[in-house]
PDB file of N, CA and C in Angstrom:
ATOM      1  N   MET A   1       0.606  -1.267  -0.047  1.00  0.00           N
ATOM      2  CA  MET A   1      -0.096   0.100   0.144  1.00  0.00           C
ATOM      3  C   MET A   1       0.933   1.128   0.113  1.00  0.00           C
ATOM      4  N   GLU A   2       2.292   1.348   0.631  1.00  0.00           N
ATOM      5  CA  GLU A   2       3.037   2.540   0.701  1.00  0.00           C
ATOM      6  C   GLU A   2       3.273   2.452  -1.006  1.00  0.00           C
ATOM      7  N   THR A   3       3.662   1.352  -2.102  1.00  0.00           N
ATOM      8  CA  THR A   3       3.290   2.384  -3.358  1.00  0.00           C
ATOM      9  C   THR A   3       2.950   2.905  -3.861  1.00  0.00           C
ATOM     10  N   PHE A   4       1.215   2.231  -3.687  1.00  0.00           N
ATOM     11  CA  PHE A   4       0.073   3.249  -3.550  1.00  0.00           C
ATOM     12  C   PHE A   4      -0.036   4.105  -3.369  1.00  0.00           C
ATOM     13  N   ALA A   5       0.337   4.252  -1.988  1.00  0.00           N
ATOM     14  CA  ALA A   5       0.393   5.842  -2.098  1.00  0.00           C
ATOM     15  C   ALA A   5       1.211   6.867  -2.716  1.00  0.00           C
ATOM     16  N   THR A   6       2.282   6.691  -2.714  1.00  0.00           N
ATOM     17  CA  THR A   6       3.300   7.321  -3.492  1.00  0.00           C
ATOM     18  C   THR A   6       2.838   7.637  -5.103  1.00  0.00           C
ATOM     19  N   GLN A   7       2.405   6.174  -5.232  1.00  0.00           N
ATOM     20  CA  GLN A   7       1.803   6.663  -6.769  1.00  0.00           C
ATOM     21  C   GLN A   7       0.250   7.527  -6.591  1.00  0.00           C
ATOM     22  N   LEU A   8      -0.312   7.935  -5.422  1.00  0.00           N
ATOM     23  CA  LEU A   8      -1.012   8.544  -5.388  1.00  0.00           C
ATOM     24  C   LEU A   8      -1.336  10.217  -5.446  1.00  0.00           C
ATOM     25  N   ARG A   9       0.180  10.326  -4.483  1.00  0.00           N
ATOM     26  CA  ARG A   9       0.793  11.175  -4.141  1.00  0.00           C
ATOM     27  C   ARG A   9       1.630  11.783  -5.225  1.00  0.00           C
ATOM     28  N   THR A  10       2.473  11.344  -5.761  1.00  0.00           N
ATOM     29  CA  THR A  10       2.977  12.184  -7.491  1.00  0.00           C
ATOM     30  C   THR A  10       1.996  12.288  -7.837  1.00  0.00           C
ATOM     31  N   ALA A  11       0.754  11.401  -8.498  1.00  0.00           N
ATOM     32  CA  ALA A  11       0.073  11.857  -9.374  1.00  0.00           C
ATOM     33  C   ALA A  11      -1.100  13.220  -9.314  1.00  0.00           C
ATOM     34  N   PHE A  12      -1.658  13.582  -7.743  1.00  0.00           N
ATOM     35  CA  PHE A  12      -2.165  14.470  -7.400  1.00  0.00           C
ATOM     36  C   PHE A  12      -1.394  15.985  -7.364  1.00  0.00           C
ATOM     37  N   ASN A  13       0.008  15.767  -6.961  1.00  0.00           N
ATOM     38  CA  ASN A  13       0.681  16.986  -6.904  1.00  0.00           C
ATOM     39  C   ASN A  13       1.079  17.655  -7.961  1.00  0.00           C
ATOM     40  N   ALA A  14       1.283  16.340  -9.383  1.00  0.00           N
ATOM     41  CA  ALA A  14       1.331  17.126 -10.675  1.00  0.00           C
ATOM     42  C   ALA A  14       0.474  17.143 -11.086  1.00  0.00           C
ATOM     43  N   ARG A  15      -0.741  16.957 -11.007  1.00  0.00           N
ATOM     44  CA  ARG A  15      -1.917  17.046 -11.603  1.00  0.00           C
ATOM     45  C   ARG A  15      -2.400  16.533 -12.753  1.00  0.00           C
ATOM     46  N   ASP A  16      -1.550  15.150 -12.791  1.00  0.00           N
ATOM     47  CA  ASP A  16      -1.478  14.312 -14.113  1.00  0.00           C
ATOM     48  C   ASP A  16      -2.930  13.310 -13.976  1.00  0.00           C
ATOM     49  N   ILE A  17      -3.954  14.127 -14.161  1.00  0.00           N
ATOM     50  CA  ILE A  17      -5.176  13.424 -14.583  1.00  0.00           C
ATOM     51  C   ILE A  17      -5.238  12.196 -15.077  1.00  0.00           C
ATOM     52  N   ASP A  18      -3.810  12.243 -15.904  1.00  0.00           N
ATOM     53  CA  ASP A  18      -4.159  10.356 -16.629  1.00  0.00           C
ATOM     54  C   ASP A  18      -4.201   9.759 -15.451  1.00  0.00           C
ATOM     55  N   THR A  19      -2.933   9.893 -14.991  1.00  0.00           N
ATOM     56  CA  THR A  19      -2.737   8.895 -14.110  1.00  0.00           C
ATOM     57  C   THR A  19      -3.277   9.208 -12.502  1.00  0.00           C
ATOM     58  N   PHE A  20      -3.900   9.588 -12.418  1.00  0.00           N
ATOM     59  CA  PHE A  20      -5.131   9.375 -10.731  1.00  0.00           C
ATOM     60  C   PHE A  20      -5.660   9.025 -12.015  1.00  0.00           C
ATOM     61  N   ARG A  21      -6.449   9.310 -12.798  1.00  0.00           N
ATOM     62  CA  ARG A  21      -8.130   8.330 -13.190  1.00  0.00           C
ATOM     63  C   ARG A  21      -7.738   7.076 -13.275  1.00  0.00           C
ATOM     64  N   GLY A  22      -6.669   6.384 -13.978  1.00  0.00           N
ATOM     65  CA  GLY A  22      -5.937   5.061 -13.707  1.00  0.00           C
ATOM     66  C   GLY A  22      -5.950   3.972 -12.439  1.00  0.00           C
ATOM     67  N   LEU A  23      -5.527   5.578 -10.981  1.00  0.00           N
ATOM     68  CA  LEU A  23      -5.808   4.768  -9.761  1.00  0.00           C
ATOM     69  C   LEU A  23      -7.228   4.180  -9.420  1.00  0.00           C
ATOM     70  N   LEU A  24      -8.232   5.225 -10.473  1.00  0.00           N
ATOM     71  CA  LEU A  24      -9.489   4.861  -9.870  1.00  0.00           C
ATOM     72  C   LEU A  24     -10.393   3.647  -9.996  1.00  0.00           C
ATOM     73  N   ALA A  25     -11.221   2.815  -9.519  1.00  0.00           N
ATOM     74  CA  ALA A  25     -12.175   1.787 -10.002  1.00  0.00           C
ATOM     75  C   ALA A  25     -12.932   2.908 -11.105  1.00  0.00           C
ATOM     76  N   GLU A  26     -13.486   2.200 -12.383  1.00  0.00           N
ATOM     77  CA  GLU A  26     -14.519   2.729 -12.198  1.00  0.00           C
ATOM     78  C   GLU A  26     -15.633   3.404 -11.838  1.00  0.00           C
ATOM     79  N   ASP A  27     -15.930   2.486 -10.805  1.00  0.00           N
ATOM     80  CA  ASP A  27     -17.553   2.657  -9.722  1.00  0.00           C
ATOM     81  C   ASP A  27     -17.296   3.199  -8.926  1.00  0.00           C
ATOM     82  N   ALA A  28     -15.974   4.290  -8.688  1.00  0.00           N
ATOM     83  CA  ALA A  28     -14.988   5.087  -7.919  1.00  0.00           C
ATOM     84  C   ALA A  28     -15.938   5.832  -7.156  1.00  0.00           C
ATOM     85  N   ARG A  29     -16.706   5.923  -5.835  1.00  0.00           N
ATOM     86  CA  ARG A  29     -17.546   6.911  -5.074  1.00  0.00           C
ATOM     87  C   ARG A  29     -16.554   8.163  -4.196  1.00  0.00           C
ATOM     88  N   TRP A  30     -17.068   9.889  -4.639  1.00  0.00           N
ATOM     89  CA  TRP A  30     -16.967  10.394  -3.838  1.00  0.00           C
ATOM     90  C   TRP A  30     -17.606  11.598  -3.555  1.00  0.00           C
ATOM     91  N   GLY A  31     -17.997  11.267  -2.055  1.00  0.00           N
ATOM     92  CA  GLY A  31     -19.466  12.239  -1.299  1.00  0.00           C
ATOM     93  C   GLY A  31     -20.058  11.175  -0.605  1.00  0.00           C
ATOM     94  N   GLU A  32     -19.853  11.926   0.710  1.00  0.00           N
ATOM     95  CA  GLU A  32     -20.630  11.361   1.887  1.00  0.00           C
ATOM     96  C   GLU A  32     -21.997  10.656   1.562  1.00  0.00           C
ATOM     97  N   ASP A  33     -23.186  11.422   1.273  1.00  0.00           N
ATOM     98  CA  ASP A  33     -23.911  11.283   0.850  1.00  0.00           C
ATOM     99  C   ASP A  33     -24.702  11.431  -0.883  1.00  0.00           C
ATOM    100  N   PRO A  34     -25.040  10.014  -1.185  1.00  0.00           N
ATOM    101  CA  PRO A  34     -24.892   9.316  -2.244  1.00  0.00           C
ATOM    102  C   PRO A  34     -26.223  10.391  -3.730  1.00  0.00           C
ATOM    103  N   GLU A  35     -27.178  10.712  -2.484  1.00  0.00           N
ATOM    104  CA  GLU A  35     -28.027  11.600  -3.796  1.00  0.00           C
ATOM    105  C   GLU A  35     -27.347  13.390  -3.145  1.00  0.00           C
ATOM    106  N   ALA A  36     -26.720  13.446  -2.254  1.00  0.00           N
ATOM    107  CA  ALA A  36     -26.113  14.757  -2.450  1.00  0.00           C
ATOM    108  C   ALA A  36     -25.611  15.663  -3.589  1.00  0.00           C
ATOM    109  N   PRO A  37     -26.151  16.703  -4.523  1.00  0.00           N
ATOM    110  CA  PRO A  37     -25.803  17.419  -5.942  1.00  0.00           C
ATOM    111  C   PRO A  37     -23.739  17.054  -5.488  1.00  0.00           C
ATOM    112  N   ASN A  38     -23.334  16.983  -4.865  1.00  0.00           N
ATOM    113  CA  ASN A  38     -21.399  17.576  -5.705  1.00  0.00           C
ATOM    114  C   ASN A  38     -21.194  15.641  -5.208  1.00  0.00           C
ATOM    115  N   THR A  39     -21.815  14.542  -5.036  1.00  0.00           N
ATOM    116  CA  THR A  39     -21.988  13.667  -4.568  1.00  0.00           C
ATOM    117  C   THR A  39     -20.957  13.170  -6.570  1.00  0.00           C
ATOM    118  N   CYS A  40     -20.080  12.387  -6.374  1.00  0.00           N
ATOM    119  CA  CYS A  40     -19.609  11.707  -7.435  1.00  0.00           C
ATOM    120  C   CYS A  40     -19.614  10.431  -7.627  1.00  0.00           C
ATOM    121  N   HIS A  41     -20.224   9.211  -8.402  1.00  0.00           N
ATOM    122  CA  HIS A  41     -20.806   7.903  -8.054  1.00  0.00           C
ATOM    123  C   HIS A  41     -19.902   7.125  -9.111  1.00  0.00           C
ATOM    124  N   ASN A  42     -18.840   8.305 -10.285  1.00  0.00           N
ATOM    125  CA  ASN A  42     -18.821   6.956 -10.566  1.00  0.00           C
ATOM    126  C   ASN A  42     -17.122   7.803 -11.324  1.00  0.00           C
ATOM    127  N   ARG A  43     -15.766   7.006 -11.513  1.00  0.00           N
ATOM    128  CA  ARG A  43     -14.594   7.391 -11.896  1.00  0.00           C
ATOM    129  C   ARG A  43     -14.748   8.390 -13.118  1.00  0.00           C
ATOM    130  N   ALA A  44     -15.791   9.084 -14.048  1.00  0.00           N
ATOM    131  CA  ALA A  44     -15.711   9.814 -15.069  1.00  0.00           C
ATOM    132  C   ALA A  44     -15.714  11.122 -14.232  1.00  0.00           C
ATOM    133  N   GLU A  45     -17.188  11.028 -13.765  1.00  0.00           N
ATOM    134  CA  GLU A  45     -17.711  11.927 -12.294  1.00  0.00           C
ATOM    135  C   GLU A  45     -16.912  12.690 -11.825  1.00  0.00           C
ATOM    136  N   ILE A  46     -15.601  11.880 -11.072  1.00  0.00           N
ATOM    137  CA  ILE A  46     -14.568  12.231 -10.128  1.00  0.00           C
ATOM    138  C   ILE A  46     -13.450  13.372 -10.847  1.00  0.00           C
ATOM    139  N   ILE A  47     -13.105  12.508 -12.482  1.00  0.00           N
ATOM    140  CA  ILE A  47     -12.069  13.231 -12.684  1.00  0.00           C
ATOM    141  C   ILE A  47     -12.843  14.696 -13.081  1.00  0.00           C
ATOM    142  N   ALA A  48     -13.915  14.368 -14.017  1.00  0.00           N
ATOM    143  CA  ALA A  48     -14.865  16.065 -14.407  1.00  0.00           C
ATOM    144  C   ALA A  48     -14.543  17.091 -13.223  1.00  0.00           C
ATOM    145  N   HIS A  49     -14.755  16.684 -12.183  1.00  0.00           N
ATOM    146  CA  HIS A  49     -15.235  17.674 -11.212  1.00  0.00           C
ATOM    147  C   HIS A  49     -13.925  17.872 -10.453  1.00  0.00           C
ATOM    148  N   LEU A  50     -12.543  17.046 -10.793  1.00  0.00           N
ATOM    149  CA  LEU A  50     -11.075  18.025 -10.335  1.00  0.00           C
ATOM    150  C   LEU A  50     -10.707  18.564 -11.796  1.00  0.00           C
ATOM    151  N   LYS A  51     -11.168  18.447 -12.476  1.00  0.00           N
ATOM    152  CA  LYS A  51     -11.118  18.811 -13.972  1.00  0.00           C
ATOM    153  C   LYS A  51     -11.639  20.746 -13.577  1.00  0.00           C
ATOM    154  N   ARG A  52     -12.989  20.749 -13.468  1.00  0.00           N
ATOM    155  CA  ARG A  52     -13.549  22.128 -13.033  1.00  0.00           C
ATOM    156  C   ARG A  52     -13.327  22.795 -11.828  1.00  0.00           C
ATOM    157  N   LEU A  53     -12.226  21.827 -10.515  1.00  0.00           N
ATOM    158  CA  LEU A  53     -12.084  22.613  -9.759  1.00  0.00           C
ATOM    159  C   LEU A  53     -10.195  23.090 -10.546  1.00  0.00           C
ATOM    160  N   LEU A  54      -9.557  22.869 -11.308  1.00  0.00           N
ATOM    161  CA  LEU A  54      -8.745  23.003 -11.143  1.00  0.00           C
ATOM    162  C   LEU A  54      -8.550  24.510 -11.980  1.00  0.00           C
ATOM    163  N   ASN A  55      -9.841  24.099 -13.133  1.00  0.00           N
ATOM    164  CA  ASN A  55     -10.129  25.034 -14.093  1.00  0.00           C
ATOM    165  C   ASN A  55     -10.961  26.452 -12.652  1.00  0.00           C
ATOM    166  N   GLU A  56     -11.161  26.127 -12.016  1.00  0.00           N
ATOM    167  CA  GLU A  56     -11.556  27.366 -11.123  1.00  0.00           C
ATOM    168  C   GLU A  56     -10.367  27.727  -9.964  1.00  0.00           C
ATOM    169  N   GLY A  57      -9.326  27.448 -10.588  1.00  0.00           N
ATOM    170  CA  GLY A  57      -8.425  27.962  -9.542  1.00  0.00           C
ATOM    171  C   GLY A  57      -7.935  27.342  -8.824  1.00  0.00           C
ATOM    172  N   VAL A  58      -8.255  26.163  -8.267  1.00  0.00           N
ATOM    173  CA  VAL A  58      -8.690  25.758  -6.568  1.00  0.00           C
ATOM    174  C   VAL A  58      -6.659  24.910  -7.647  1.00  0.00           C
ATOM    175  N   ARG A  59      -6.292  25.019  -5.847  1.00  0.00           N
ATOM    176  CA  ARG A  59      -4.975  24.667  -5.942  1.00  0.00           C
ATOM    177  C   ARG A  59      -4.818  23.540  -4.597  1.00  0.00           C
ATOM    178  N   ALA A  60      -4.370  21.859  -4.854  1.00  0.00           N
ATOM    179  CA  ALA A  60      -4.270  21.380  -3.676  1.00  0.00           C
ATOM    180  C   ALA A  60      -2.593  20.167  -4.053  1.00  0.00           C
ATOM    181  N   SER A  61      -1.994  20.179  -2.756  1.00  0.00           N
ATOM    182  CA  SER A  61      -1.153  19.616  -2.525  1.00  0.00           C
ATOM    183  C   SER A  61      -1.385  18.714  -1.619  1.00  0.00           C
ATOM    184  N   THR A  62      -0.667  16.774  -1.944  1.00  0.00           N
ATOM    185  CA  THR A  62      -1.206  16.202  -0.753  1.00  0.00           C
ATOM    186  C   THR A  62       0.625  16.870  -0.068  1.00  0.00           C
ATOM    187  N   THR A  63       0.541  17.196   1.148  1.00  0.00           N
ATOM    188  CA  THR A  63       1.393  16.897   2.088  1.00  0.00           C
ATOM    189  C   THR A  63       2.052  16.223   3.036  1.00  0.00           C
ATOM    190  N   GLU A  64       0.924  15.067   2.935  1.00  0.00           N
ATOM    191  CA  GLU A  64       1.322  14.188   4.107  1.00  0.00           C
ATOM    192  C   GLU A  64       0.210  12.527   3.896  1.00  0.00           C
ATOM    193  N   THR A  65       0.936  11.625   3.178  1.00  0.00           N
ATOM    194  CA  THR A  65       0.059  10.062   2.944  1.00  0.00           C
ATOM    195  C   THR A  65       0.809   9.024   4.656  1.00  0.00           C
ATOM    196  N   THR A  66      -0.440   8.619   4.521  1.00  0.00           N
ATOM    197  CA  THR A  66      -0.016   7.354   5.774  1.00  0.00           C
ATOM    198  C   THR A  66      -1.077   6.424   4.948  1.00  0.00           C
ATOM    199  N   ALA A  67      -0.436   4.615   4.907  1.00  0.00           N
ATOM    200  CA  ALA A  67      -0.918   3.859   4.663  1.00  0.00           C
ATOM    201  C   ALA A  67      -1.119   3.086   5.142  1.00  0.00           C
ATOM    202  N   GLY A  68      -2.856   2.546   4.990  1.00  0.00           N
ATOM    203  CA  GLY A  68      -3.207   0.919   5.627  1.00  0.00           C
ATOM    204  C   GLY A  68      -3.549   0.063   5.183  1.00  0.00           C
ATOM    205  N   PRO A  69      -4.674  -0.943   5.963  1.00  0.00           N
ATOM    206  CA  PRO A  69      -4.702  -1.801   5.114  1.00  0.00           C
ATOM    207  C   PRO A  69      -6.025  -1.522   4.732  1.00  0.00           C
ATOM    208  N   ARG A  70      -6.581  -0.423   4.897  1.00  0.00           N
ATOM    209  CA  ARG A  70      -7.842  -0.320   3.993  1.00  0.00           C
ATOM    210  C   ARG A  70      -7.996   1.016   2.714  1.00  0.00           C
ATOM    211  N   GLY A  71      -6.427   1.799   2.525  1.00  0.00           N
ATOM    212  CA  GLY A  71      -6.169   2.347   1.570  1.00  0.00           C
ATOM    213  C   GLY A  71      -5.347   3.358   2.252  1.00  0.00           C
ATOM    214  N   VAL A  72      -5.529   4.410   1.911  1.00  0.00           N
ATOM    215  CA  VAL A  72      -4.082   5.503   2.134  1.00  0.00           C
ATOM    216  C   VAL A  72      -5.206   6.694   2.663  1.00  0.00           C
ATOM    217  N   ALA A  73      -4.896   7.344   3.697  1.00  0.00           N
ATOM    218  CA  ALA A  73      -5.425   8.654   4.465  1.00  0.00           C
ATOM    219  C   ALA A  73      -3.732   9.909   4.016  1.00  0.00           C
ATOM    220  N   CYS A  74      -4.427  11.218   3.726  1.00  0.00           N
ATOM    221  CA  CYS A  74      -3.550  11.792   3.416  1.00  0.00           C
ATOM    222  C   CYS A  74      -4.340  13.458   3.893  1.00  0.00           C
ATOM    223  N   VAL A  75      -3.288  13.786   4.575  1.00  0.00           N
ATOM    224  CA  VAL A  75      -3.252  15.827   4.392  1.00  0.00           C
ATOM    225  C   VAL A  75      -3.418  16.765   3.347  1.00  0.00           C
ATOM    226  N   LEU A  76      -3.989  17.309   2.831  1.00  0.00           N
ATOM    227  CA  LEU A  76      -4.005  18.269   1.427  1.00  0.00           C
ATOM    228  C   LEU A  76      -4.311  19.840   2.290  1.00  0.00           C
ATOM    229  N   GLU A  77      -3.066  20.344   1.895  1.00  0.00           N
ATOM    230  CA  GLU A  77      -3.607  21.747   1.838  1.00  0.00           C
ATOM    231  C   GLU A  77      -4.259  22.423   0.854  1.00  0.00           C
ATOM    232  N   VAL A  78      -5.210  23.050   0.616  1.00  0.00           N
ATOM    233  CA  VAL A  78      -5.843  23.844  -0.356  1.00  0.00           C
ATOM    234  C   VAL A  78      -5.807  25.153  -0.023  1.00  0.00           C
ATOM    235  N   GLU A  79      -5.410  25.794  -1.432  1.00  0.00           N
ATOM    236  CA  GLU A  79      -5.994  27.093  -1.751  1.00  0.00           C
ATOM    237  C   GLU A  79      -7.179  27.751  -3.058  1.00  0.00           C
ATOM    238  N   TRP A  80      -7.871  27.617  -2.207  1.00  0.00           N
ATOM    239  CA  TRP A  80      -9.330  28.127  -3.261  1.00  0.00           C
ATOM    240  C   TRP A  80      -8.821  29.669  -2.690  1.00  0.00           C
ATOM    241  N   PRO A  81      -9.368  30.179  -4.605  1.00  0.00           N
ATOM    242  CA  PRO A  81      -8.917  31.678  -5.198  1.00  0.00           C
ATOM    243  C   PRO A  81      -9.851  32.254  -4.485  1.00  0.00           C
ATOM    244  N   GLY A  82      -9.468  33.787  -4.081  1.00  0.00           N
ATOM    245  CA  GLY A  82     -10.162  34.431  -3.441  1.00  0.00           C
ATOM    246  C   GLY A  82     -10.451  35.868  -4.319  1.00  0.00           C
ATOM    247  N   PRO A  83     -11.054  36.907  -4.408  1.00  0.00           N
ATOM    248  CA  PRO A  83     -11.500  38.198  -5.193  1.00  0.00           C
ATOM    249  C   PRO A  83     -10.394  38.362  -5.634  1.00  0.00           C
ATOM    250  N   GLU A  84     -10.178  39.429  -6.589  1.00  0.00           N
ATOM    251  CA  GLU A  84      -9.278  39.539  -7.063  1.00  0.00           C
ATOM    252  C   GLU A  84      -8.574  40.361  -6.449  1.00  0.00           C
ATOM    253  N   ASN A  85      -6.846  40.432  -6.508  1.00  0.00           N
ATOM    254  CA  ASN A  85      -6.027  40.945  -5.014  1.00  0.00           C
ATOM    255  C   ASN A  85      -6.162  40.804  -3.915  1.00  0.00           C
ATOM    256  N   ALA A  86      -6.814  39.605  -3.228  1.00  0.00           N
ATOM    257  CA  ALA A  86      -7.348  39.211  -2.033  1.00  0.00           C
ATOM    258  C   ALA A  86      -6.061  37.453  -1.945  1.00  0.00           C
ATOM    259  N   ALA A  87      -5.323  37.699  -0.668  1.00  0.00           N
ATOM    260  CA  ALA A  87      -5.090  36.268  -0.454  1.00  0.00           C
ATOM    261  C   ALA A  87      -6.123  35.325  -1.282  1.00  0.00           C
ATOM    262  N   PRO A  88      -5.030  33.939  -1.559  1.00  0.00           N
ATOM    263  CA  PRO A  88      -5.921  33.220  -1.615  1.00  0.00           C
ATOM    264  C   PRO A  88      -6.392  32.256  -0.261  1.00  0.00           C
ATOM    265  N   ASP A  89      -7.726  31.884   0.019  1.00  0.00           N
ATOM    266  CA  ASP A  89      -8.106  30.981   1.454  1.00  0.00           C
ATOM    267  C   ASP A  89      -7.711  29.545   1.174  1.00  0.00           C
ATOM    268  N   ARG A  90      -7.161  29.610   2.522  1.00  0.00           N
ATOM    269  CA  ARG A  90      -5.950  28.434   2.735  1.00  0.00           C
ATOM    270  C   ARG A  90      -6.816  27.038   3.892  1.00  0.00           C
ATOM    271  N   HIS A  91      -6.770  25.758   3.984  1.00  0.00           N
ATOM    272  CA  HIS A  91      -7.436  25.208   4.261  1.00  0.00           C
ATOM    273  C   HIS A  91      -6.783  24.167   4.244  1.00  0.00           C
ATOM    274  N   SER A  92      -6.257  22.768   5.977  1.00  0.00           N
ATOM    275  CA  SER A  92      -5.968  21.531   5.704  1.00  0.00           C
ATOM    276  C   SER A  92      -6.937  21.246   5.989  1.00  0.00           C
ATOM    277  N   LEU A  93      -6.852  19.598   4.832  1.00  0.00           N
ATOM    278  CA  LEU A  93      -7.922  18.610   4.971  1.00  0.00           C
ATOM    279  C   LEU A  93      -7.432  17.584   5.295  1.00  0.00           C
ATOM    280  N   TYR A  94      -8.079  16.424   5.565  1.00  0.00           N
ATOM    281  CA  TYR A  94      -7.894  14.607   5.826  1.00  0.00           C
ATOM    282  C   TYR A  94      -8.756  14.802   4.760  1.00  0.00           C
ATOM    283  N   GLN A  95      -8.214  13.573   3.935  1.00  0.00           N
ATOM    284  CA  GLN A  95      -8.838  12.646   2.951  1.00  0.00           C
ATOM    285  C   GLN A  95      -8.050  11.582   2.625  1.00  0.00           C
ATOM    286  N   VAL A  96      -9.158  10.275   3.019  1.00  0.00           N
ATOM    287  CA  VAL A  96      -9.057   9.145   2.571  1.00  0.00           C
ATOM    288  C   VAL A  96      -9.742   8.189   1.631  1.00  0.00           C
ATOM    289  N   TYR A  97      -8.386   7.560   0.895  1.00  0.00           N
ATOM    290  CA  TYR A  97      -8.684   6.681  -0.343  1.00  0.00           C
ATOM    291  C   TYR A  97      -9.014   5.612  -0.113  1.00  0.00           C
ATOM    292  N   VAL A  98     -10.285   4.862  -0.108  1.00  0.00           N
ATOM    293  CA  VAL A  98      -9.989   3.691   0.150  1.00  0.00           C
ATOM    294  C   VAL A  98      -9.655   2.691  -0.824  1.00  0.00           C
ATOM    295  N   VAL A  99      -8.909   1.648  -0.937  1.00  0.00           N
ATOM    296  CA  VAL A  99      -8.340   1.504  -1.534  1.00  0.00           C
ATOM    297  C   VAL A  99      -8.790  -0.748  -1.811  1.00  0.00           C
ATOM    298  N   THR A 100      -9.529  -0.856  -2.705  1.00  0.00           N
ATOM    299  CA  THR A 100      -9.758  -2.693  -3.219  1.00  0.00           C
ATOM    300  C   THR A 100      -9.705  -3.256  -4.622  1.00  0.00           C
ATOM    301  N   ASP A 101      -8.673  -3.901  -4.283  1.00  0.00           N
ATOM    302  CA  ASP A 101      -7.638  -4.799  -5.311  1.00  0.00           C
ATOM    303  C   ASP A 101      -7.323  -3.699  -6.232  1.00  0.00           C
ATOM    304  N   GLY A 102      -6.513  -2.526  -5.626  1.00  0.00           N
ATOM    305  CA  GLY A 102      -5.263  -2.466  -6.445  1.00  0.00           C
ATOM    306  C   GLY A 102      -5.933  -0.421  -6.781  1.00  0.00           C
ATOM    307  N   LEU A 103      -7.604  -0.188  -6.564  1.00  0.00           N
ATOM    308  CA  LEU A 103      -7.905   0.675  -6.912  1.00  0.00           C
ATOM    309  C   LEU A 103      -8.754   1.449  -6.284  1.00  0.00           C
ATOM    310  N   VAL A 104      -8.375   2.719  -6.334  1.00  0.00           N
ATOM    311  CA  VAL A 104      -9.610   3.602  -4.990  1.00  0.00           C
ATOM    312  C   VAL A 104     -10.798   3.268  -5.454  1.00  0.00           C
ATOM    313  N   THR A 105     -11.701   3.004  -4.639  1.00  0.00           N
ATOM    314  CA  THR A 105     -13.159   2.489  -4.947  1.00  0.00           C
ATOM    315  C   THR A 105     -14.000   4.033  -3.900  1.00  0.00           C
ATOM    316  N   GLU A 106     -13.296   4.664  -3.292  1.00  0.00           N
ATOM    317  CA  GLU A 106     -14.105   5.671  -2.262  1.00  0.00           C
ATOM    318  C   GLU A 106     -13.261   6.676  -2.068  1.00  0.00           C
ATOM    319  N   ILE A 107     -13.397   7.330  -2.506  1.00  0.00           N
ATOM    320  CA  ILE A 107     -12.629   9.116  -1.835  1.00  0.00           C
ATOM    321  C   ILE A 107     -13.649   9.609  -0.385  1.00  0.00           C
ATOM    322  N   GLN A 108     -13.467   9.978   0.336  1.00  0.00           N
ATOM    323  CA  GLN A 108     -14.104  10.516   1.866  1.00  0.00           C
ATOM    324  C   GLN A 108     -13.284  11.500   2.039  1.00  0.00           C
ATOM    325  N   GLY A 109     -14.450  12.286   2.445  1.00  0.00           N
ATOM    326  CA  GLY A 109     -13.526  13.444   4.095  1.00  0.00           C
ATOM    327  C   GLY A 109     -13.444  12.825   5.295  1.00  0.00           C
ATOM    328  N   HIS A 110     -12.584  13.631   6.151  1.00  0.00           N
ATOM    329  CA  HIS A 110     -12.947  13.552   7.102  1.00  0.00           C
ATOM    330  C   HIS A 110     -11.918  14.859   8.120  1.00  0.00           C
ATOM    331  N   ASP A 111     -12.729  15.153   9.604  1.00  0.00           N
ATOM    332  CA  ASP A 111     -12.770  16.396   9.819  1.00  0.00           C
ATOM    333  C   ASP A 111     -11.226  15.948  10.105  1.00  0.00           C
ATOM    334  N   ASP A 112     -10.814  15.445  11.731  1.00  0.00           N
ATOM    335  CA  ASP A 112      -9.755  15.436  11.404  1.00  0.00           C
ATOM    336  C   ASP A 112      -8.694  14.297  11.324  1.00  0.00           C
ATOM    337  N   ARG A 113      -7.771  13.910  11.766  1.00  0.00           N
ATOM    338  CA  ARG A 113      -6.131  13.075  11.735  1.00  0.00           C
ATOM    339  C   ARG A 113      -6.723  11.397  12.089  1.00  0.00           C
ATOM    340  N   ASP A 114      -7.294  11.578  13.140  1.00  0.00           N
ATOM    341  CA  ASP A 114      -7.589  10.651  14.336  1.00  0.00           C
ATOM    342  C   ASP A 114      -8.654   9.447  12.669  1.00  0.00           C
ATOM    343  N   SER A 115      -9.914  10.650  12.521  1.00  0.00           N
ATOM    344  CA  SER A 115     -10.741   9.727  12.178  1.00  0.00           C
ATOM    345  C   SER A 115     -10.396   8.692  10.067  1.00  0.00           C
ATOM    346  N   ALA A 116      -9.566  10.047  10.037  1.00  0.00           N
ATOM    347  CA  ALA A 116      -9.185   9.709   8.840  1.00  0.00           C
ATOM    348  C   ALA A 116      -8.336   8.476   9.063  1.00  0.00           C
ATOM    349  N   LEU A 117      -7.290   7.935  10.081  1.00  0.00           N
ATOM    350  CA  LEU A 117      -6.865   7.185  10.069  1.00  0.00           C
ATOM    351  C   LEU A 117      -6.831   5.172  10.738  1.00  0.00           C
ATOM    352  N   ALA A 118      -8.117   6.256  11.341  1.00  0.00           N
ATOM    353  CA  ALA A 118      -9.207   4.887  12.232  1.00  0.00           C
ATOM    354  C   ALA A 118     -10.139   4.281  10.409  1.00  0.00           C
ATOM    355  N   ALA A 119     -10.159   5.134   9.032  1.00  0.00           N
ATOM    356  CA  ALA A 119     -10.730   4.657   8.307  1.00  0.00           C
ATOM    357  C   ALA A 119     -10.028   3.573   7.449  1.00  0.00           C
ATOM    358  N   ILE A 120      -8.781   4.090   7.657  1.00  0.00           N
ATOM    359  CA  ILE A 120      -7.908   2.997   6.962  1.00  0.00           C
ATOM    360  C   ILE A 120      -7.387   1.855   7.555  1.00  0.00           C
ATOM    361  N   SER A 121      -7.585   1.820   9.026  1.00  0.00           N
ATOM    362  CA  SER A 121      -6.993   0.891   9.605  1.00  0.00           C
ATOM    363  C   SER A 121      -7.958  -0.762   9.927  1.00  0.00           C
ATOM    364  N   SER A 122      -9.869   0.180   9.800  1.00  0.00           N
ATOM    365  CA  SER A 122     -10.334  -0.973  10.081  1.00  0.00           C
ATOM    366  C   SER A 122     -10.699  -2.153   8.789  1.00  0.00           C
TER     367      SER A 122
END
């Protein structure tokens, strides 16, 4: 899983959409509520969402990864573009990539490090 974590981090930080796409299962899901309008229900929707964020000027970098039996927990540093001449809005987020049979099947957001690590440990 360490190798997968490195591949994920490298693709994400390089904004290498093609490599990132190859790490996702066709039926991968991103979002807590399947009925929510911002939930992605498959790989194509995840990639379209990432491209949209990049086109809007959002910048994110994976600064830390931890591999576990169920997947990879990441710390993301995200910059949301602010109004013209304003500093970007920066946040640290915790994200988990659940991995099944060598591919990401689910992307989850977490409020803190402990819950992210618990999600990849069970």
